[in-house]
Protein backbone atom coordinates (compact mmCIF):
# COMPACT_ATOMS: atom_id res chain seq x y z
CA UNK A 1 70.78 119.67 49.43
CA UNK A 2 68.02 118.01 51.43
CA UNK A 3 68.06 114.23 51.43
CA UNK A 4 64.91 112.87 49.70
CA UNK A 5 62.25 111.78 52.16
CA UNK A 6 58.62 110.73 52.53
CA UNK A 7 56.44 111.22 55.62
CA UNK A 8 54.08 108.27 56.19
CA UNK A 9 50.88 108.67 58.21
CA UNK A 10 48.26 106.04 59.10
CA UNK A 11 44.83 107.57 59.73
CA UNK A 12 41.44 106.23 60.82
CA UNK A 13 38.56 108.62 61.46
CA UNK A 14 40.77 111.70 61.87
CA UNK A 15 38.71 114.28 59.98
CA UNK A 16 39.24 116.87 62.73
CA UNK A 17 42.96 116.33 63.43
CA UNK A 18 44.58 115.10 60.22
CA UNK A 19 44.23 118.39 58.29
CA UNK A 20 45.97 120.15 61.21
CA UNK A 21 48.88 117.69 61.03
CA UNK A 22 49.17 118.14 57.27
CA UNK A 23 49.19 121.92 57.64
CA UNK A 24 52.17 121.63 60.00
CA UNK A 25 53.92 119.47 57.40
CA UNK A 26 53.16 122.10 54.77
CA UNK A 27 54.87 124.66 57.02
CA UNK A 28 58.21 122.84 57.39
CA UNK A 29 61.34 124.99 57.09
CA UNK A 30 62.76 123.05 54.13
CA UNK A 31 62.98 123.94 50.46
CA UNK A 32 60.59 122.46 47.92
CA UNK A 33 57.63 120.19 48.35
CA UNK A 34 57.24 117.69 51.17
CA UNK A 35 56.19 114.22 50.07
CA UNK A 36 53.50 112.68 52.27
CA UNK A 37 51.64 109.37 52.19
CA UNK A 38 48.34 109.12 54.11
CA UNK A 39 46.98 105.60 54.57
CA UNK A 40 43.31 106.24 55.32
CA UNK A 41 41.90 102.98 56.63
CA UNK A 42 38.32 102.14 57.59
CA UNK A 43 37.36 105.83 57.73
CA UNK A 44 33.66 106.64 58.20
CA UNK A 45 33.87 110.28 59.34
CA UNK A 46 34.91 112.01 56.12
CA UNK A 47 38.64 111.99 56.81
CA UNK A 48 39.61 111.96 53.13
CA UNK A 49 37.03 114.61 52.29
CA UNK A 50 38.40 116.86 55.04
CA UNK A 51 41.90 116.55 53.57
CA UNK A 52 40.63 117.28 50.07
CA UNK A 53 38.85 120.38 51.38
CA UNK A 54 42.12 121.59 52.93
CA UNK A 55 43.84 121.02 49.59
CA UNK A 56 41.19 122.96 47.70
CA UNK A 57 41.51 125.81 50.17
CA UNK A 58 45.22 126.02 49.33
CA UNK A 59 46.43 125.12 52.83
CA UNK A 60 48.42 122.09 51.65
CA UNK A 61 49.99 123.48 48.47
CA UNK A 62 53.54 122.64 49.61
CA UNK A 63 52.70 118.96 49.96
CA UNK A 64 53.13 116.31 47.30
CA UNK A 65 50.36 114.24 48.84
CA UNK A 66 49.33 110.67 48.12
CA UNK A 67 46.17 109.42 49.82
CA UNK A 68 45.69 105.67 49.85
CA UNK A 69 42.25 104.49 50.96
CA UNK A 70 42.04 100.97 52.37
CA UNK A 71 39.56 98.73 54.13
CA UNK A 72 41.27 96.51 56.69
CA UNK A 73 39.29 93.54 57.88
CA UNK A 74 39.32 91.12 60.79
CA UNK A 75 42.61 90.61 62.59
CA UNK A 76 44.37 93.03 60.21
CA UNK A 77 42.20 96.02 61.15
CA UNK A 78 44.67 97.87 63.37
CA UNK A 79 47.35 100.56 63.32
CA UNK A 80 50.22 98.12 62.77
CA UNK A 81 48.87 97.05 59.40
CA UNK A 82 48.01 100.63 58.46
CA UNK A 83 51.42 102.01 59.42
CA UNK A 84 53.21 99.22 57.56
CA UNK A 85 51.12 99.92 54.44
CA UNK A 86 51.91 103.63 54.70
CA UNK A 87 55.66 102.99 55.12
CA UNK A 88 55.69 100.42 52.32
CA UNK A 89 54.02 102.95 50.02
CA UNK A 90 56.57 105.58 50.98
CA UNK A 91 59.46 103.17 50.46
CA UNK A 92 58.20 102.23 47.00
CA UNK A 93 57.80 105.90 46.10
CA UNK A 94 61.44 106.58 46.95
CA UNK A 95 62.71 103.42 45.26
CA UNK A 96 60.78 104.13 42.05
CA UNK A 97 62.61 107.46 41.94
CA UNK A 98 65.92 105.63 42.37
CA UNK A 99 66.47 107.22 45.78
CA UNK A 100 67.77 105.67 48.98
CA UNK A 101 66.05 108.35 50.97
CA UNK A 102 64.51 108.72 54.39
CA UNK A 103 61.22 107.41 55.68
CA UNK A 104 59.53 109.28 58.51
CA UNK A 105 56.34 108.39 60.30
CA UNK A 106 54.03 110.25 62.64
CA UNK A 107 50.46 109.99 63.89
CA UNK A 108 47.40 111.54 62.32
CA UNK A 109 46.43 113.37 65.53
CA UNK A 110 49.88 114.92 66.08
CA UNK A 111 51.19 118.41 65.32
CA UNK A 112 54.75 119.10 64.26
CA UNK A 113 57.10 122.05 64.86
CA UNK A 114 58.28 123.79 61.70
CA UNK A 115 61.81 122.37 62.13
CA UNK A 116 60.71 118.74 62.67
CA UNK A 117 61.77 117.50 59.24
CA UNK A 118 65.08 119.38 59.06
CA UNK A 119 65.99 118.41 62.64
CA UNK A 120 65.39 114.74 61.85
CA UNK A 121 67.58 114.92 58.76
CA UNK A 122 70.40 116.59 60.68
CA UNK A 123 70.23 113.99 63.44
CA UNK A 124 70.39 111.18 60.88
CA UNK A 125 73.84 112.36 59.84
CA UNK A 126 75.20 110.59 62.96
CA UNK A 127 72.64 107.83 63.49
CA UNK A 128 70.45 105.38 61.58
CA UNK A 129 67.26 105.91 63.61
CA UNK A 130 65.93 109.09 65.17
CA UNK A 131 63.13 109.18 67.73
CA UNK A 132 61.25 112.38 68.52
CA UNK A 133 60.32 113.59 72.00
CA UNK A 134 56.60 113.40 72.82
CA UNK A 135 55.19 116.67 74.17
CA UNK A 136 51.56 116.73 75.26
CA UNK A 137 49.72 119.27 73.12
CA UNK A 138 49.21 122.47 75.11
CA UNK A 139 46.23 123.47 72.99
CA UNK A 140 44.14 120.84 74.76
CA UNK A 141 42.66 121.33 78.21
CA UNK A 142 44.47 119.31 80.86
CA UNK A 143 43.37 119.14 84.50
CA UNK A 144 45.97 120.64 86.89
CA UNK A 145 46.37 117.33 88.74
CA UNK A 146 47.06 115.53 85.45
CA UNK A 147 49.52 118.23 84.38
CA UNK A 148 51.35 117.79 87.69
CA UNK A 149 51.52 114.02 87.18
CA UNK A 150 52.75 114.53 83.61
CA UNK A 151 55.64 116.60 84.98
CA UNK A 152 56.52 113.94 87.56
CA UNK A 153 56.47 111.22 84.88
CA UNK A 154 58.89 113.33 82.81
CA UNK A 155 61.17 113.61 85.87
CA UNK A 156 61.01 109.86 86.41
CA UNK A 157 62.19 109.02 82.90
CA UNK A 158 64.82 111.75 83.07
CA UNK A 159 66.05 110.04 86.24
CA UNK A 160 66.27 106.70 84.43
CA UNK A 161 68.25 108.31 81.61
CA UNK A 162 70.57 109.89 84.18
CA UNK A 163 71.42 106.42 85.49
CA UNK A 164 72.22 105.32 81.93
CA UNK A 165 74.46 108.35 81.43
CA UNK A 166 76.31 107.65 84.67
CA UNK A 167 76.67 103.88 84.34
CA UNK A 168 76.52 103.02 80.63
CA UNK A 169 76.67 106.09 78.35
CA UNK A 170 76.12 105.52 74.61
CA UNK A 171 78.53 107.54 72.42
CA UNK A 172 75.97 107.87 69.61
CA UNK A 173 73.21 109.11 71.95
CA UNK A 174 74.83 111.65 74.27
CA UNK A 175 73.09 113.95 76.73
CA UNK A 176 71.03 116.00 76.43
CA UNK A 177 68.56 113.48 75.11
CA UNK A 178 65.01 112.30 75.67
CA UNK A 179 63.82 108.69 75.75
CA UNK A 180 61.03 108.46 73.15
CA UNK A 181 61.06 106.46 69.93
CA UNK A 182 57.43 105.83 69.00
CA UNK A 183 55.37 105.95 65.84
CA UNK A 184 54.51 109.56 66.61
CA UNK A 185 58.03 110.51 65.44
CA UNK A 186 60.47 108.08 63.83
CA UNK A 187 62.93 108.53 60.99
CA UNK A 188 65.26 106.04 59.26
CA UNK A 189 66.70 105.24 55.80
CA UNK A 190 64.51 103.26 53.42
CA UNK A 191 67.39 100.78 52.92
CA UNK A 192 67.39 99.98 56.65
CA UNK A 193 63.61 99.59 56.62
CA UNK A 194 63.83 97.07 53.79
CA UNK A 195 66.80 95.28 55.39
CA UNK A 196 64.76 94.31 58.47
CA UNK A 197 61.72 93.23 56.45
CA UNK A 198 59.56 96.25 57.16
CA UNK A 199 57.42 97.15 60.14
CA UNK A 200 55.93 94.19 62.07
CA UNK A 201 52.14 94.51 61.62
CA UNK A 202 51.26 94.26 65.30
CA UNK A 203 48.02 95.67 66.78
CA UNK A 204 50.07 97.60 69.37
CA UNK A 205 53.78 98.25 69.84
CA UNK A 206 54.58 98.00 66.15
CA UNK A 207 56.87 101.02 66.43
CA UNK A 208 59.02 99.60 69.24
CA UNK A 209 59.16 96.26 67.43
CA UNK A 210 60.54 97.97 64.32
CA UNK A 211 63.16 99.87 66.30
CA UNK A 212 64.10 96.62 68.04
CA UNK A 213 64.71 94.86 64.72
CA UNK A 214 66.88 97.72 63.54
CA UNK A 215 68.93 97.81 66.74
CA UNK A 216 69.32 94.04 66.54
CA UNK A 217 71.14 94.73 63.29
CA UNK A 218 73.43 97.29 64.93
CA UNK A 219 71.62 100.53 64.03
CA UNK A 220 72.39 103.58 66.17
CA UNK A 221 69.30 105.15 67.77
CA UNK A 222 69.45 108.88 68.54
CA UNK A 223 67.03 110.61 70.90
CA UNK A 224 67.75 114.08 69.57
CA UNK A 225 66.47 116.90 71.82
CA UNK A 226 65.82 119.07 68.76
CA UNK A 227 63.25 116.59 67.41
CA UNK A 228 59.87 116.75 69.08
CA UNK A 229 56.19 116.24 68.31
CA UNK A 230 53.01 117.52 69.93
CA UNK A 231 50.77 114.56 70.77
CA UNK A 232 47.11 114.62 71.66
CA UNK A 233 46.04 114.42 75.29
CA UNK A 234 42.76 112.78 74.34
CA UNK A 235 41.63 109.65 76.18
CA UNK A 236 39.53 108.14 73.38
CA UNK A 237 42.34 106.95 71.15
CA UNK A 238 42.36 104.61 68.18
CA UNK A 239 44.82 102.10 69.69
CA UNK A 240 44.50 100.03 72.84
CA UNK A 241 47.74 100.44 74.75
CA UNK A 242 48.70 103.66 72.99
CA UNK A 243 49.01 107.24 74.22
CA UNK A 244 45.29 107.58 74.87
CA UNK A 245 45.40 104.53 77.16
CA UNK A 246 48.25 106.14 79.09
CA UNK A 247 46.35 109.45 79.38
CA UNK A 248 43.33 107.58 80.75
CA UNK A 249 45.60 105.92 83.32
CA UNK A 250 46.97 109.30 84.37
CA UNK A 251 43.48 110.72 84.70
CA UNK A 252 42.59 107.87 87.06
CA UNK A 253 45.78 108.49 89.03
CA UNK A 254 44.85 112.16 89.37
CA UNK A 255 41.59 110.96 90.93
CA UNK A 256 43.45 108.89 93.52
CA UNK A 257 44.48 105.64 91.86
CA UNK A 258 48.09 104.64 92.56
CA UNK A 259 50.49 105.36 89.70
CA UNK A 260 53.12 102.63 89.91
CA UNK A 261 56.43 102.49 88.05
CA UNK A 262 59.50 100.19 88.19
CA UNK A 263 61.74 100.79 91.20
CA UNK A 264 65.06 102.60 90.86
CA UNK A 265 66.95 99.42 91.79
CA UNK A 266 65.46 97.63 88.79
CA UNK A 267 66.86 100.24 86.42
CA UNK A 268 70.25 100.20 88.11
CA UNK A 269 70.50 96.42 87.69
CA UNK A 270 69.36 96.60 84.06
CA UNK A 271 71.84 99.36 83.12
CA UNK A 272 74.71 97.57 84.88
CA UNK A 273 73.84 94.35 83.07
CA UNK A 274 73.89 96.08 79.70
CA UNK A 275 77.18 97.78 80.59
CA UNK A 276 78.67 94.38 81.47
CA UNK A 277 77.49 92.96 78.14
CA UNK A 278 79.04 95.91 76.34
CA UNK A 279 82.40 95.22 78.03
CA UNK A 280 82.14 91.48 77.37
CA UNK A 281 81.76 92.05 73.62
CA UNK A 282 85.25 93.57 73.46
CA UNK A 283 86.94 90.57 75.09
CA UNK A 284 88.67 87.60 73.39
CA UNK A 285 86.36 84.62 72.85
CA UNK A 286 87.26 82.63 75.98
CA UNK A 287 87.14 85.66 78.25
CA UNK A 288 83.89 86.82 76.68
CA UNK A 289 82.27 83.43 77.36
CA UNK A 290 83.31 83.57 81.03
CA UNK A 291 82.13 87.17 81.41
CA UNK A 292 78.77 86.41 79.81
CA UNK A 293 78.29 83.36 82.04
CA UNK A 294 78.58 85.62 85.09
CA UNK A 295 75.79 87.80 83.68
CA UNK A 296 73.50 84.83 83.01
CA UNK A 297 74.30 84.14 79.36
CA UNK A 298 75.52 80.58 78.94
CA UNK A 299 77.72 79.22 76.15
CA UNK A 300 74.69 78.04 74.16
CA UNK A 301 72.99 81.38 74.59
CA UNK A 302 76.11 83.21 73.46
CA UNK A 303 76.35 81.02 70.38
CA UNK A 304 72.72 81.79 69.54
CA UNK A 305 73.31 85.53 69.88
CA UNK A 306 76.33 85.36 67.57
CA UNK A 307 74.91 82.76 65.16
CA UNK A 308 73.77 85.14 62.43
CA UNK A 309 76.75 87.43 62.80
CA UNK A 310 76.96 90.39 65.13
CA UNK A 311 78.09 93.57 63.34
CA UNK A 312 78.78 95.67 66.40
CA UNK A 313 78.34 96.08 70.14
CA UNK A 314 74.85 97.59 69.73
CA UNK A 315 73.55 94.42 68.10
CA UNK A 316 75.25 92.21 70.67
CA UNK A 317 73.85 94.06 73.68
CA UNK A 318 70.32 94.25 72.27
CA UNK A 319 70.15 90.55 71.40
CA UNK A 320 71.86 89.29 74.55
CA UNK A 321 69.98 91.54 76.94
CA UNK A 322 66.60 90.60 75.47
CA UNK A 323 67.45 86.90 75.86
CA UNK A 324 68.44 87.40 79.50
CA UNK A 325 65.34 89.53 80.02
CA UNK A 326 63.05 86.64 79.10
CA UNK A 327 64.29 84.85 82.22
CA UNK A 328 64.18 87.85 84.52
CA UNK A 329 61.24 88.33 86.91
CA UNK A 330 58.91 91.27 86.18
CA UNK A 331 60.17 94.62 87.46
CA UNK A 332 59.11 95.37 91.05
CA UNK A 333 57.06 98.57 91.15
CA UNK A 334 56.38 101.34 93.63
CA UNK A 335 54.54 104.65 93.79
CA UNK A 336 55.95 107.29 91.45
CA UNK A 337 56.99 109.64 94.25
CA UNK A 338 58.96 106.88 95.98
CA UNK A 339 60.57 105.98 92.66
CA UNK A 340 61.53 109.62 92.04
CA UNK A 341 63.13 109.91 95.47
CA UNK A 342 65.09 106.69 95.01
CA UNK A 343 66.28 107.62 91.52
CA UNK A 344 67.60 110.96 92.76
CA UNK A 345 69.34 109.35 95.76
CA UNK A 346 70.87 106.63 93.63
CA UNK A 347 72.23 109.10 91.05
CA UNK A 348 73.69 111.28 93.81
CA UNK A 349 75.41 108.27 95.38
CA UNK A 350 76.90 107.18 92.04
CA UNK A 351 78.17 110.71 91.41
CA UNK A 352 79.76 110.85 94.89
CA UNK A 353 81.39 107.49 94.30
CA UNK A 354 82.75 108.58 90.91
CA UNK A 355 84.19 111.77 92.35
CA UNK A 356 85.91 109.84 95.15
CA UNK A 357 87.37 107.38 92.63
CA UNK A 358 88.71 110.18 90.43
CA UNK A 359 90.17 111.97 93.46
CA UNK A 360 91.97 108.81 94.55
CA UNK A 361 93.30 108.28 91.03
CA UNK A 362 94.70 111.82 90.93
CA UNK A 363 96.43 111.31 94.28
CA UNK A 364 97.92 108.02 93.12
CA UNK A 365 99.24 109.70 90.00
């Protein structure tokens, strides 16, 4: 039996795209109706009317749809407030039914594969948070130079994940995996959402902030390869710093602007630091304090990390690493092609080293 769930969608001036998203939700490969909350905020383009027209045409019959219209003003007029309101409405809907179900959120300009909902629910059987992979929507025209850059960016982040898998693998998030956990595709239990106080209503980065709060509490985050979402390649987005901002940056890079990313050595140092923190957590108190001091976490810092209780190693690493990160210089950057070359070389060297170590261990045995 499918676990009860509600999909929560913030929308502002999405008359053209929102009905398409809702049609993909109406086509999910699950039994029964799909509950959906749309938080339509500050819409002036007929967004709600477009959704009603799709309902009247019978294209959304499988949805149990709640549309909440809101006017957000001043400093609150942004996606963080809208997404929080949508998730809060979904949480209340589940709680009023006496259900500790699942909240999911996506963006109004996205499109979802037919297995999106069922794949999320399966992945949540072994995790508390599931992030979906972002795939740029192939129905939109993309210049060849931008498409090439998109592919190189994918390779870059795959290279970073490879370092993590070699140096600090997470048992709850094994390969194959992607690296995305954004508002375009997130899923988590309503009880966990309430436990962290809901989504931080930030103008940008509200999704990562929510995931951070949950991981601070020890929640397992799964980047399941079976969960994906088609995201718009448009450059005139609704959020500064969101996907549209990134697509504009890539368009400029395709025209000759340098596309800079953190160097491979930065990621190696970060992954090794997190691995050291993970090992330190398992040590007796005195040994843990000494091990953390070597990483840059003093006795007072360690006490602060543990002050509110630390349920597991996930919570410890997230809290401690963020504290150390506040004192770490910004990541040095280089051109993407240089970064790709260095990531590949570094991974190959680590693999050679591991093979040599295993060979020596076998001989010694």
